[in-house]
Amino acid sequence: MVSSSSEKKIYAIVGPTASGKTALGVELALKVGGEIINCDSVQIYREIRIATAKPTEEEKRGVPHHLIDYVDPNVNYTAGDWARDAGEKIVEIESRGRTPILVGGTGFYLRTLRRPLFESPKTDEQLRERFKAIRDVRGPEYLHRMLRKLDPEAAEKLFPRDHVRVIRALEYFFQTGELFSEQQPNRADPPEFVDRIVLFVLNPPRAELYERINMRTKEHFRNGLVDEVKHLLETGVSDDSNALGSHGYRRVCEYLKGERSLESAVEKTQQDIRNYAKRQLTWFRREQGAIWLDGFGDTTAVTHRLFRSVIE
């Protein structure tokens, strides 16, 4: 039986890629009368399918899912965009007497919802292209070293290879002459519902997680990942877009450009995703108030532990 206080909660299920978040989110939604809001920065894109682990209709089990296949793959959809759209979905879902459940592994999306970003100037596309050109020639670590000289505090909070956010911090400095790190006090107030978010983090055994990632990556390539990327490029999606620059797609683009072999693309993709999973766990350890669930979300034991936390 769900208590009256539980009915007012908003749940978030996060964790590393391949940890079973989708299955656990669906189980919780069926239990509490919930609807799922995607919190994954790649599942947000239409036509980007094979390497995203988007749930099939069968896997959704009748549970409504929102913000999946939501924007065109050439759109530069930001964390701020997602926070706005997710906030609107939360209000909409609750207006129907249902429970919002955020599911995904993009920690920056969730943090932006809980702690809104400050207002920033519109993207200067010419400036961005200059930074991308530097990244392509000298690598993302060079941009991170540049940021460290200009804004050490901002650089400290970003991974050296996180070129998207590093470039944004550099853009902010060169467009405004101000430090990105000093804009924290200018954040907007968080939405009223933020205090009602209960955050669960999946924490599967590392060796088993890496094995899942390796097997799933091979399966993606067998299921036509190269053909999917080839089709996207032929229809005009840029290999420098946020969608094709994501884990699972970037190395395929390099293979199609003749920059690496197919075997190398598979192995490098596996390594990229393993490293990404490790960074996801590091990120979520910094989130205050999180409830950690040891194991994979598609196992009965973890499902029971989750239910004990939300159901009386």
C-alpha atoms as a PDB file:
ATOM      1  CA  MET A   1       0.000   0.000   0.000  1.00  0.00           C
ATOM      2  CA  VAL A   2       1.383   3.394  -1.005  1.00  0.00           C
ATOM      3  CA  SER A   3       1.295   6.025   1.730  1.00  0.00           C
ATOM      4  CA  SER A   4      -0.015   9.536   1.192  1.00  0.00           C
ATOM      5  CA  SER A   5       3.476  10.992   1.594  1.00  0.00           C
ATOM      6  CA  SER A   6       4.879   8.585  -1.015  1.00  0.00           C
ATOM      7  CA  GLU A   7       2.274   9.746  -3.520  1.00  0.00           C
ATOM      8  CA  LYS A   8       3.898  13.179  -3.455  1.00  0.00           C
ATOM      9  CA  LYS A   9       7.379  11.912  -4.133  1.00  0.00           C
ATOM     10  CA  ILE A  10       9.219  12.155  -7.420  1.00  0.00           C
ATOM     11  CA  TYR A  11      11.656   9.316  -8.034  1.00  0.00           C
ATOM     12  CA  ALA A  12      14.925   9.306  -9.961  1.00  0.00           C
ATOM     13  CA  ILE A  13      16.723   6.100 -10.913  1.00  0.00           C
ATOM     14  CA  VAL A  14      20.240   6.700 -12.181  1.00  0.00           C
ATOM     15  CA  GLY A  15      23.493   4.818 -12.502  1.00  0.00           C
ATOM     16  CA  PRO A  16      26.078   3.686 -15.037  1.00  0.00           C
ATOM     17  CA  THR A  17      25.205   2.518 -18.515  1.00  0.00           C
ATOM     18  CA  ALA A  18      24.100  -1.145 -18.785  1.00  0.00           C
ATOM     19  CA  SER A  19      23.154  -1.301 -15.092  1.00  0.00           C
ATOM     20  CA  GLY A  20      19.456  -2.113 -15.632  1.00  0.00           C
ATOM     21  CA  LYS A  21      17.924   1.317 -14.984  1.00  0.00           C
ATOM     22  CA  THR A  22      15.182   0.894 -17.585  1.00  0.00           C
ATOM     23  CA  ALA A  23      13.839  -2.366 -16.148  1.00  0.00           C
ATOM     24  CA  LEU A  24      13.877  -1.033 -12.596  1.00  0.00           C
ATOM     25  CA  GLY A  25      12.159   2.194 -13.625  1.00  0.00           C
ATOM     26  CA  VAL A  26       9.348   0.261 -15.300  1.00  0.00           C
ATOM     27  CA  GLU A  27       8.894  -1.973 -12.235  1.00  0.00           C
ATOM     28  CA  LEU A  28       8.625   1.084  -9.999  1.00  0.00           C
ATOM     29  CA  ALA A  29       6.216   2.823 -12.378  1.00  0.00           C
ATOM     30  CA  LEU A  30       3.924  -0.217 -12.397  1.00  0.00           C
ATOM     31  CA  LYS A  31       4.019  -0.292  -8.593  1.00  0.00           C
ATOM     32  CA  VAL A  32       3.301   3.375  -7.858  1.00  0.00           C
ATOM     33  CA  GLY A  33       1.272   4.437 -10.883  1.00  0.00           C
ATOM     34  CA  GLY A  34       4.158   6.268 -12.498  1.00  0.00           C
ATOM     35  CA  GLU A  35       5.257   7.646 -15.832  1.00  0.00           C
ATOM     36  CA  ILE A  36       8.891   7.715 -16.907  1.00  0.00           C
ATOM     37  CA  ILE A  37      10.817  10.793 -18.008  1.00  0.00           C
ATOM     38  CA  ASN A  38      13.977   9.987 -19.939  1.00  0.00           C
ATOM     39  CA  CYS A  39      17.145  11.350 -18.332  1.00  0.00           C
ATOM     40  CA  ASP A  40      19.606  10.149 -20.977  1.00  0.00           C
ATOM     41  CA  SER A  41      21.277  12.645 -23.295  1.00  0.00           C
ATOM     42  CA  VAL A  42      21.396  10.248 -26.267  1.00  0.00           C
ATOM     43  CA  GLN A  43      17.965   8.623 -26.005  1.00  0.00           C
ATOM     44  CA  ILE A  44      16.588  12.137 -26.396  1.00  0.00           C
ATOM     45  CA  TYR A  45      17.418  12.037 -30.135  1.00  0.00           C
ATOM     46  CA  ARG A  46      15.261  10.611 -32.896  1.00  0.00           C
ATOM     47  CA  GLU A  47      16.817   8.075 -35.300  1.00  0.00           C
ATOM     48  CA  ILE A  48      19.684   7.377 -32.868  1.00  0.00           C
ATOM     49  CA  ARG A  49      18.640   3.935 -31.739  1.00  0.00           C
ATOM     50  CA  ILE A  50      20.904   0.893 -31.771  1.00  0.00           C
ATOM     51  CA  ALA A  51      23.588   2.008 -29.293  1.00  0.00           C
ATOM     52  CA  THR A  52      21.218   3.946 -27.019  1.00  0.00           C
ATOM     53  CA  ALA A  53      19.428   0.994 -25.370  1.00  0.00           C
ATOM     54  CA  LYS A  54      16.078   2.736 -25.841  1.00  0.00           C
ATOM     55  CA  PRO A  55      13.336   0.541 -24.387  1.00  0.00           C
ATOM     56  CA  THR A  56      11.194  -1.370 -26.829  1.00  0.00           C
ATOM     57  CA  GLU A  57       7.412  -1.244 -26.587  1.00  0.00           C
ATOM     58  CA  GLU A  58       7.547  -4.674 -24.978  1.00  0.00           C
ATOM     59  CA  GLU A  59      10.063  -3.471 -22.387  1.00  0.00           C
ATOM     60  CA  LYS A  60       7.926  -0.412 -21.583  1.00  0.00           C
ATOM     61  CA  ARG A  61       5.092  -2.770 -20.524  1.00  0.00           C
ATOM     62  CA  GLY A  62       2.486  -0.091 -21.123  1.00  0.00           C
ATOM     63  CA  VAL A  63       4.191   2.544 -18.985  1.00  0.00           C
ATOM     64  CA  PRO A  64       4.189   5.998 -20.665  1.00  0.00           C
ATOM     65  CA  HIS A  65       7.709   7.250 -21.489  1.00  0.00           C
ATOM     66  CA  HIS A  66       8.473  10.911 -22.141  1.00  0.00           C
ATOM     67  CA  LEU A  67      11.384  12.791 -23.796  1.00  0.00           C
ATOM     68  CA  ILE A  68      12.549   9.761 -25.808  1.00  0.00           C
ATOM     69  CA  ASP A  69      12.920  10.247 -29.587  1.00  0.00           C
ATOM     70  CA  TYR A  70      12.197  13.847 -28.780  1.00  0.00           C
ATOM     71  CA  VAL A  71      14.493  16.055 -30.905  1.00  0.00           C
ATOM     72  CA  ASP A  72      16.236  15.923 -34.271  1.00  0.00           C
ATOM     73  CA  PRO A  73      19.813  14.559 -34.076  1.00  0.00           C
ATOM     74  CA  ASN A  74      21.265  17.751 -35.540  1.00  0.00           C
ATOM     75  CA  VAL A  75      19.777  19.887 -32.758  1.00  0.00           C
ATOM     76  CA  ASN A  76      22.198  21.106 -30.076  1.00  0.00           C
ATOM     77  CA  TYR A  77      19.914  20.087 -27.215  1.00  0.00           C
ATOM     78  CA  THR A  78      21.366  21.236 -23.895  1.00  0.00           C
ATOM     79  CA  ALA A  79      21.032  20.274 -20.248  1.00  0.00           C
ATOM     80  CA  GLY A  80      19.132  23.513 -19.725  1.00  0.00           C
ATOM     81  CA  ASP A  81      16.680  22.543 -22.469  1.00  0.00           C
ATOM     82  CA  TRP A  82      16.149  19.161 -20.851  1.00  0.00           C
ATOM     83  CA  ALA A  83      15.646  20.637 -17.370  1.00  0.00           C
ATOM     84  CA  ARG A  84      12.967  22.972 -18.725  1.00  0.00           C
ATOM     85  CA  ASP A  85      11.177  20.216 -20.646  1.00  0.00           C
ATOM     86  CA  ALA A  86      11.483  17.678 -17.814  1.00  0.00           C
ATOM     87  CA  GLY A  87      10.105  20.214 -15.347  1.00  0.00           C
ATOM     88  CA  GLU A  88       7.083  20.767 -17.567  1.00  0.00           C
ATOM     89  CA  LYS A  89       6.550  17.007 -17.837  1.00  0.00           C
ATOM     90  CA  ILE A  90       6.719  16.617 -14.063  1.00  0.00           C
ATOM     91  CA  VAL A  91       3.975  19.208 -13.626  1.00  0.00           C
ATOM     92  CA  GLU A  92       1.900  17.603 -16.377  1.00  0.00           C
ATOM     93  CA  ILE A  93       2.244  14.074 -14.957  1.00  0.00           C
ATOM     94  CA  GLU A  94       1.355  15.172 -11.428  1.00  0.00           C
ATOM     95  CA  SER A  95      -1.668  17.068 -12.720  1.00  0.00           C
ATOM     96  CA  ARG A  96      -3.065  13.671 -13.790  1.00  0.00           C
ATOM     97  CA  GLY A  97      -2.468  12.215 -10.341  1.00  0.00           C
ATOM     98  CA  ARG A  98       0.463  10.134 -11.563  1.00  0.00           C
ATOM     99  CA  THR A  99       4.023   9.837 -10.219  1.00  0.00           C
ATOM    100  CA  PRO A 100       6.985  11.160 -12.256  1.00  0.00           C
ATOM    101  CA  ILE A 101       9.996   8.834 -12.421  1.00  0.00           C
ATOM    102  CA  LEU A 102      13.232  10.145 -13.921  1.00  0.00           C
ATOM    103  CA  VAL A 103      15.327   7.351 -15.438  1.00  0.00           C
ATOM    104  CA  GLY A 104      18.747   7.639 -17.069  1.00  0.00           C
ATOM    105  CA  GLY A 105      22.457   8.033 -16.637  1.00  0.00           C
ATOM    106  CA  THR A 106      23.134  11.656 -17.563  1.00  0.00           C
ATOM    107  CA  GLY A 107      24.045  13.132 -14.203  1.00  0.00           C
ATOM    108  CA  PHE A 108      24.444  16.653 -15.564  1.00  0.00           C
ATOM    109  CA  TYR A 109      20.823  16.629 -16.730  1.00  0.00           C
ATOM    110  CA  LEU A 110      19.574  15.718 -13.269  1.00  0.00           C
ATOM    111  CA  ARG A 111      21.846  18.197 -11.521  1.00  0.00           C
ATOM    112  CA  THR A 112      20.665  20.968 -13.843  1.00  0.00           C
ATOM    113  CA  LEU A 113      17.073  20.178 -12.910  1.00  0.00           C
ATOM    114  CA  ARG A 114      17.867  20.265  -9.196  1.00  0.00           C
ATOM    115  CA  ARG A 115      20.210  23.261  -9.435  1.00  0.00           C
ATOM    116  CA  PRO A 116      19.245  25.408 -12.445  1.00  0.00           C
ATOM    117  CA  LEU A 117      21.957  26.910 -14.616  1.00  0.00           C
ATOM    118  CA  PHE A 118      22.529  30.649 -14.879  1.00  0.00           C
ATOM    119  CA  GLU A 119      21.609  32.674 -17.941  1.00  0.00           C
ATOM    120  CA  SER A 120      24.348  32.661 -20.589  1.00  0.00           C
ATOM    121  CA  PRO A 121      24.774  34.362 -23.958  1.00  0.00           C
ATOM    122  CA  LYS A 122      23.594  32.753 -27.165  1.00  0.00           C
ATOM    123  CA  THR A 123      26.108  30.406 -28.769  1.00  0.00           C
ATOM    124  CA  ASP A 124      28.614  32.106 -31.064  1.00  0.00           C
ATOM    125  CA  GLU A 125      28.825  29.461 -33.810  1.00  0.00           C
ATOM    126  CA  GLN A 126      32.053  30.872 -35.293  1.00  0.00           C
ATOM    127  CA  LEU A 127      33.758  30.796 -31.900  1.00  0.00           C
ATOM    128  CA  ARG A 128      32.528  27.264 -31.289  1.00  0.00           C
ATOM    129  CA  GLU A 129      33.880  26.077 -34.635  1.00  0.00           C
ATOM    130  CA  ARG A 130      37.287  27.536 -33.757  1.00  0.00           C
ATOM    131  CA  PHE A 131      37.371  25.574 -30.509  1.00  0.00           C
ATOM    132  CA  LYS A 132      36.249  22.410 -32.285  1.00  0.00           C
ATOM    133  CA  ALA A 133      39.039  22.867 -34.823  1.00  0.00           C
ATOM    134  CA  ILE A 134      41.552  23.147 -31.971  1.00  0.00           C
ATOM    135  CA  ARG A 135      40.081  19.996 -30.407  1.00  0.00           C
ATOM    136  CA  ASP A 136      40.378  18.064 -33.669  1.00  0.00           C
ATOM    137  CA  VAL A 137      44.034  19.048 -34.145  1.00  0.00           C
ATOM    138  CA  ARG A 138      45.362  19.079 -30.575  1.00  0.00           C
ATOM    139  CA  GLY A 139      42.825  16.973 -28.692  1.00  0.00           C
ATOM    140  CA  PRO A 140      40.300  17.779 -25.934  1.00  0.00           C
ATOM    141  CA  GLU A 141      42.981  17.751 -23.227  1.00  0.00           C
ATOM    142  CA  TYR A 142      44.562  20.827 -24.824  1.00  0.00           C
ATOM    143  CA  LEU A 143      41.290  22.735 -24.431  1.00  0.00           C
ATOM    144  CA  HIS A 144      41.088  21.609 -20.819  1.00  0.00           C
ATOM    145  CA  ARG A 145      44.613  22.949 -20.183  1.00  0.00           C
ATOM    146  CA  MET A 146      43.564  26.225 -21.791  1.00  0.00           C
ATOM    147  CA  LEU A 147      40.561  26.438 -19.471  1.00  0.00           C
ATOM    148  CA  ARG A 148      42.744  25.597 -16.468  1.00  0.00           C
ATOM    149  CA  LYS A 149      44.857  28.688 -17.182  1.00  0.00           C
ATOM    150  CA  LEU A 150      41.815  30.948 -17.625  1.00  0.00           C
ATOM    151  CA  ASP A 151      39.421  29.510 -15.045  1.00  0.00           C
ATOM    152  CA  PRO A 152      41.083  26.892 -12.787  1.00  0.00           C
ATOM    153  CA  GLU A 153      37.970  26.383 -10.665  1.00  0.00           C
ATOM    154  CA  ALA A 154      35.804  25.549 -13.674  1.00  0.00           C
ATOM    155  CA  ALA A 155      38.477  23.216 -15.087  1.00  0.00           C
ATOM    156  CA  GLU A 156      38.740  21.376 -11.771  1.00  0.00           C
ATOM    157  CA  LYS A 157      35.091  20.337 -12.015  1.00  0.00           C
ATOM    158  CA  LEU A 158      35.294  19.017 -15.589  1.00  0.00           C
ATOM    159  CA  PHE A 159      36.853  15.871 -17.010  1.00  0.00           C
ATOM    160  CA  PRO A 160      39.696  16.690 -19.451  1.00  0.00           C
ATOM    161  CA  ARG A 161      37.958  14.822 -22.296  1.00  0.00           C
ATOM    162  CA  ASP A 162      34.538  16.384 -21.649  1.00  0.00           C
ATOM    163  CA  HIS A 163      35.054  18.706 -24.591  1.00  0.00           C
ATOM    164  CA  VAL A 164      31.390  19.781 -24.806  1.00  0.00           C
ATOM    165  CA  ARG A 165      31.362  21.406 -21.355  1.00  0.00           C
ATOM    166  CA  VAL A 166      34.969  22.570 -21.556  1.00  0.00           C
ATOM    167  CA  ILE A 167      34.195  24.403 -24.791  1.00  0.00           C
ATOM    168  CA  ARG A 168      31.079  25.935 -23.238  1.00  0.00           C
ATOM    169  CA  ALA A 169      33.130  27.294 -20.320  1.00  0.00           C
ATOM    170  CA  LEU A 170      35.709  28.700 -22.740  1.00  0.00           C
ATOM    171  CA  GLU A 171      32.976  30.234 -24.865  1.00  0.00           C
ATOM    172  CA  TYR A 172      31.503  31.919 -21.829  1.00  0.00           C
ATOM    173  CA  PHE A 173      34.858  33.477 -20.936  1.00  0.00           C
ATOM    174  CA  PHE A 174      35.601  34.731 -24.450  1.00  0.00           C
ATOM    175  CA  GLN A 175      32.056  36.024 -24.997  1.00  0.00           C
ATOM    176  CA  THR A 176      31.659  37.807 -21.677  1.00  0.00           C
ATOM    177  CA  GLY A 177      35.153  38.271 -20.235  1.00  0.00           C
ATOM    178  CA  GLU A 178      33.840  36.693 -17.027  1.00  0.00           C
ATOM    179  CA  LEU A 179      34.725  33.408 -15.349  1.00  0.00           C
ATOM    180  CA  PHE A 180      32.294  30.540 -15.790  1.00  0.00           C
ATOM    181  CA  SER A 181      32.980  29.392 -12.225  1.00  0.00           C
ATOM    182  CA  GLU A 182      31.915  32.739 -10.764  1.00  0.00           C
ATOM    183  CA  GLN A 183      28.374  32.496 -12.130  1.00  0.00           C
ATOM    184  CA  GLN A 184      27.192  30.017  -9.487  1.00  0.00           C
ATOM    185  CA  PRO A 185      25.477  32.739  -7.368  1.00  0.00           C
ATOM    186  CA  ASN A 186      23.486  33.803 -10.427  1.00  0.00           C
ATOM    187  CA  ARG A 187      21.596  30.536 -10.700  1.00  0.00           C
ATOM    188  CA  ALA A 188      17.815  30.680 -10.819  1.00  0.00           C
ATOM    189  CA  ASP A 189      15.878  29.293  -7.873  1.00  0.00           C
ATOM    190  CA  PRO A 190      15.138  25.559  -8.243  1.00  0.00           C
ATOM    191  CA  PRO A 191      11.532  24.454  -8.911  1.00  0.00           C
ATOM    192  CA  GLU A 192       9.403  23.743  -5.837  1.00  0.00           C
ATOM    193  CA  PHE A 193       9.295  20.029  -6.581  1.00  0.00           C
ATOM    194  CA  VAL A 194      13.069  19.547  -6.294  1.00  0.00           C
ATOM    195  CA  ASP A 195      12.919  18.764  -2.573  1.00  0.00           C
ATOM    196  CA  ARG A 196      10.515  15.917  -3.332  1.00  0.00           C
ATOM    197  CA  ILE A 197      12.947  14.053  -5.607  1.00  0.00           C
ATOM    198  CA  VAL A 198      14.146  10.771  -4.091  1.00  0.00           C
ATOM    199  CA  LEU A 199      17.351   9.705  -5.833  1.00  0.00           C
ATOM    200  CA  PHE A 200      18.342   6.049  -6.261  1.00  0.00           C
ATOM    201  CA  VAL A 201      21.730   5.093  -7.722  1.00  0.00           C
ATOM    202  CA  LEU A 202      22.428   1.621  -9.088  1.00  0.00           C
ATOM    203  CA  ASN A 203      25.845   0.289  -8.118  1.00  0.00           C
ATOM    204  CA  PRO A 204      26.496  -3.047  -9.860  1.00  0.00           C
ATOM    205  CA  PRO A 205      29.677  -5.120  -9.400  1.00  0.00           C
ATOM    206  CA  ARG A 206      32.342  -3.458 -11.545  1.00  0.00           C
ATOM    207  CA  ALA A 207      33.676  -6.591 -13.293  1.00  0.00           C
ATOM    208  CA  GLU A 208      30.185  -7.797 -14.215  1.00  0.00           C
ATOM    209  CA  LEU A 209      29.225  -4.317 -15.409  1.00  0.00           C
ATOM    210  CA  TYR A 210      32.245  -4.143 -17.700  1.00  0.00           C
ATOM    211  CA  GLU A 211      31.444  -7.580 -19.095  1.00  0.00           C
ATOM    212  CA  ARG A 212      27.891  -6.468 -19.842  1.00  0.00           C
ATOM    213  CA  ILE A 213      29.221  -3.367 -21.583  1.00  0.00           C
ATOM    214  CA  ASN A 214      31.629  -5.412 -23.724  1.00  0.00           C
ATOM    215  CA  MET A 215      28.936  -7.898 -24.737  1.00  0.00           C
ATOM    216  CA  ARG A 216      26.342  -5.230 -25.437  1.00  0.00           C
ATOM    217  CA  THR A 217      28.762  -3.245 -27.589  1.00  0.00           C
ATOM    218  CA  LYS A 218      29.478  -6.321 -29.740  1.00  0.00           C
ATOM    219  CA  GLU A 219      25.736  -6.894 -30.040  1.00  0.00           C
ATOM    220  CA  HIS A 220      25.196  -3.317 -31.232  1.00  0.00           C
ATOM    221  CA  PHE A 221      27.743  -3.777 -34.005  1.00  0.00           C
ATOM    222  CA  ARG A 222      26.174  -7.119 -34.999  1.00  0.00           C
ATOM    223  CA  ASN A 223      22.724  -5.505 -35.074  1.00  0.00           C
ATOM    224  CA  GLY A 224      23.666  -2.906 -37.674  1.00  0.00           C
ATOM    225  CA  LEU A 225      25.237   0.005 -35.805  1.00  0.00           C
ATOM    226  CA  VAL A 226      27.582   0.819 -38.709  1.00  0.00           C
ATOM    227  CA  ASP A 227      24.689   0.908 -41.191  1.00  0.00           C
ATOM    228  CA  GLU A 228      22.676   3.117 -38.843  1.00  0.00           C
ATOM    229  CA  VAL A 229      25.497   5.656 -38.585  1.00  0.00           C
ATOM    230  CA  LYS A 230      26.104   5.514 -42.329  1.00  0.00           C
ATOM    231  CA  HIS A 231      22.418   6.284 -42.943  1.00  0.00           C
ATOM    232  CA  LEU A 232      22.458   9.182 -40.487  1.00  0.00           C
ATOM    233  CA  LEU A 233      25.510  10.707 -42.152  1.00  0.00           C
ATOM    234  CA  GLU A 234      23.923  10.287 -45.597  1.00  0.00           C
ATOM    235  CA  THR A 235      20.775  12.114 -44.417  1.00  0.00           C
ATOM    236  CA  GLY A 236      22.817  15.109 -43.304  1.00  0.00           C
ATOM    237  CA  VAL A 237      23.465  14.477 -39.616  1.00  0.00           C
ATOM    238  CA  SER A 238      26.890  15.916 -38.798  1.00  0.00           C
ATOM    239  CA  ASP A 239      29.511  13.624 -37.308  1.00  0.00           C
ATOM    240  CA  ASP A 240      30.264  16.559 -35.000  1.00  0.00           C
ATOM    241  CA  SER A 241      26.710  16.694 -33.643  1.00  0.00           C
ATOM    242  CA  ASN A 242      26.005  15.953 -29.988  1.00  0.00           C
ATOM    243  CA  ALA A 243      24.203  12.783 -31.067  1.00  0.00           C
ATOM    244  CA  LEU A 244      26.964  11.207 -33.180  1.00  0.00           C
ATOM    245  CA  GLY A 245      29.661  12.536 -30.868  1.00  0.00           C
ATOM    246  CA  SER A 246      28.289  10.394 -28.057  1.00  0.00           C
ATOM    247  CA  HIS A 247      29.657   7.118 -26.719  1.00  0.00           C
ATOM    248  CA  GLY A 248      28.815   4.267 -29.049  1.00  0.00           C
ATOM    249  CA  TYR A 249      28.749   6.433 -32.164  1.00  0.00           C
ATOM    250  CA  ARG A 250      31.957   8.476 -32.270  1.00  0.00           C
ATOM    251  CA  ARG A 251      34.251   5.533 -33.092  1.00  0.00           C
ATOM    252  CA  VAL A 252      31.912   4.311 -35.830  1.00  0.00           C
ATOM    253  CA  CYS A 253      32.238   7.718 -37.490  1.00  0.00           C
ATOM    254  CA  GLU A 254      36.021   7.374 -37.290  1.00  0.00           C
ATOM    255  CA  TYR A 255      35.793   3.922 -38.898  1.00  0.00           C
ATOM    256  CA  LEU A 256      33.630   5.228 -41.744  1.00  0.00           C
ATOM    257  CA  LYS A 257      36.160   8.027 -42.346  1.00  0.00           C
ATOM    258  CA  GLY A 258      38.942   5.447 -42.600  1.00  0.00           C
ATOM    259  CA  GLU A 259      40.634   6.568 -39.397  1.00  0.00           C
ATOM    260  CA  ARG A 260      40.518   3.137 -37.709  1.00  0.00           C
ATOM    261  CA  SER A 261      39.637  -0.484 -38.486  1.00  0.00           C
ATOM    262  CA  LEU A 262      36.301  -2.047 -37.590  1.00  0.00           C
ATOM    263  CA  GLU A 263      37.989  -4.181 -34.931  1.00  0.00           C
ATOM    264  CA  SER A 264      39.588  -1.068 -33.458  1.00  0.00           C
ATOM    265  CA  ALA A 265      36.227   0.731 -33.503  1.00  0.00           C
ATOM    266  CA  VAL A 266      34.628  -2.087 -31.496  1.00  0.00           C
ATOM    267  CA  GLU A 267      37.459  -2.271 -28.962  1.00  0.00           C
ATOM    268  CA  LYS A 268      37.724   1.501 -28.555  1.00  0.00           C
ATOM    269  CA  THR A 269      33.958   1.813 -28.135  1.00  0.00           C
ATOM    270  CA  GLN A 270      34.038  -0.802 -25.385  1.00  0.00           C
ATOM    271  CA  GLN A 271      36.836   1.094 -23.652  1.00  0.00           C
ATOM    272  CA  ASP A 272      35.048   4.444 -24.044  1.00  0.00           C
ATOM    273  CA  ILE A 273      31.858   3.105 -22.499  1.00  0.00           C
ATOM    274  CA  ARG A 274      33.664   1.379 -19.634  1.00  0.00           C
ATOM    275  CA  ASN A 275      35.432   4.648 -18.849  1.00  0.00           C
ATOM    276  CA  TYR A 276      32.138   6.513 -19.119  1.00  0.00           C
ATOM    277  CA  ALA A 277      30.476   4.107 -16.668  1.00  0.00           C
ATOM    278  CA  LYS A 278      33.289   4.726 -14.203  1.00  0.00           C
ATOM    279  CA  ARG A 279      32.854   8.497 -14.533  1.00  0.00           C
ATOM    280  CA  GLN A 280      29.091   8.163 -14.064  1.00  0.00           C
ATOM    281  CA  LEU A 281      29.601   6.431 -10.726  1.00  0.00           C
ATOM    282  CA  THR A 282      32.128   9.086  -9.683  1.00  0.00           C
ATOM    283  CA  TRP A 283      29.623  11.792 -10.591  1.00  0.00           C
ATOM    284  CA  PHE A 284      26.738  10.255  -8.659  1.00  0.00           C
ATOM    285  CA  ARG A 285      28.878   9.829  -5.542  1.00  0.00           C
ATOM    286  CA  ARG A 286      28.880  13.622  -5.350  1.00  0.00           C
ATOM    287  CA  GLU A 287      25.086  13.794  -5.278  1.00  0.00           C
ATOM    288  CA  GLN A 288      23.803  14.444  -1.775  1.00  0.00           C
ATOM    289  CA  GLY A 289      21.035  12.315  -0.291  1.00  0.00           C
ATOM    290  CA  ALA A 290      21.326   9.488  -2.828  1.00  0.00           C
ATOM    291  CA  ILE A 291      20.182   5.990  -1.868  1.00  0.00           C
ATOM    292  CA  TRP A 292      22.584   3.421  -3.306  1.00  0.00           C
ATOM    293  CA  LEU A 293      21.318   0.058  -4.523  1.00  0.00           C
ATOM    294  CA  ASP A 294      24.064  -2.528  -4.897  1.00  0.00           C
ATOM    295  CA  GLY A 295      23.461  -4.748  -7.909  1.00  0.00           C
ATOM    296  CA  PHE A 296      21.771  -4.588 -11.309  1.00  0.00           C
ATOM    297  CA  GLY A 297      18.346  -3.008 -11.667  1.00  0.00           C
ATOM    298  CA  ASP A 298      16.966  -5.925 -13.677  1.00  0.00           C
ATOM    299  CA  THR A 299      17.363  -8.356 -10.765  1.00  0.00           C
ATOM    300  CA  THR A 300      14.646  -9.280  -8.284  1.00  0.00           C
ATOM    301  CA  ALA A 301      16.815  -8.541  -5.243  1.00  0.00           C
ATOM    302  CA  VAL A 302      17.408  -4.922  -6.273  1.00  0.00           C
ATOM    303  CA  THR A 303      13.732  -4.473  -7.155  1.00  0.00           C
ATOM    304  CA  HIS A 304      12.755  -5.621  -3.662  1.00  0.00           C
ATOM    305  CA  ARG A 305      15.277  -3.270  -2.040  1.00  0.00           C
ATOM    306  CA  LEU A 306      13.876  -0.373  -4.041  1.00  0.00           C
ATOM    307  CA  PHE A 307      10.299  -1.205  -3.123  1.00  0.00           C
ATOM    308  CA  ARG A 308      11.196  -1.401   0.555  1.00  0.00           C
ATOM    309  CA  SER A 309      12.495   2.155   0.298  1.00  0.00           C
ATOM    310  CA  VAL A 310       9.331   3.610  -1.243  1.00  0.00           C
ATOM    311  CA  ILE A 311       6.471   1.379  -0.093  1.00  0.00           C
ATOM    312  CA  GLU A 312       5.286   0.954   3.495  1.00  0.00           C
END
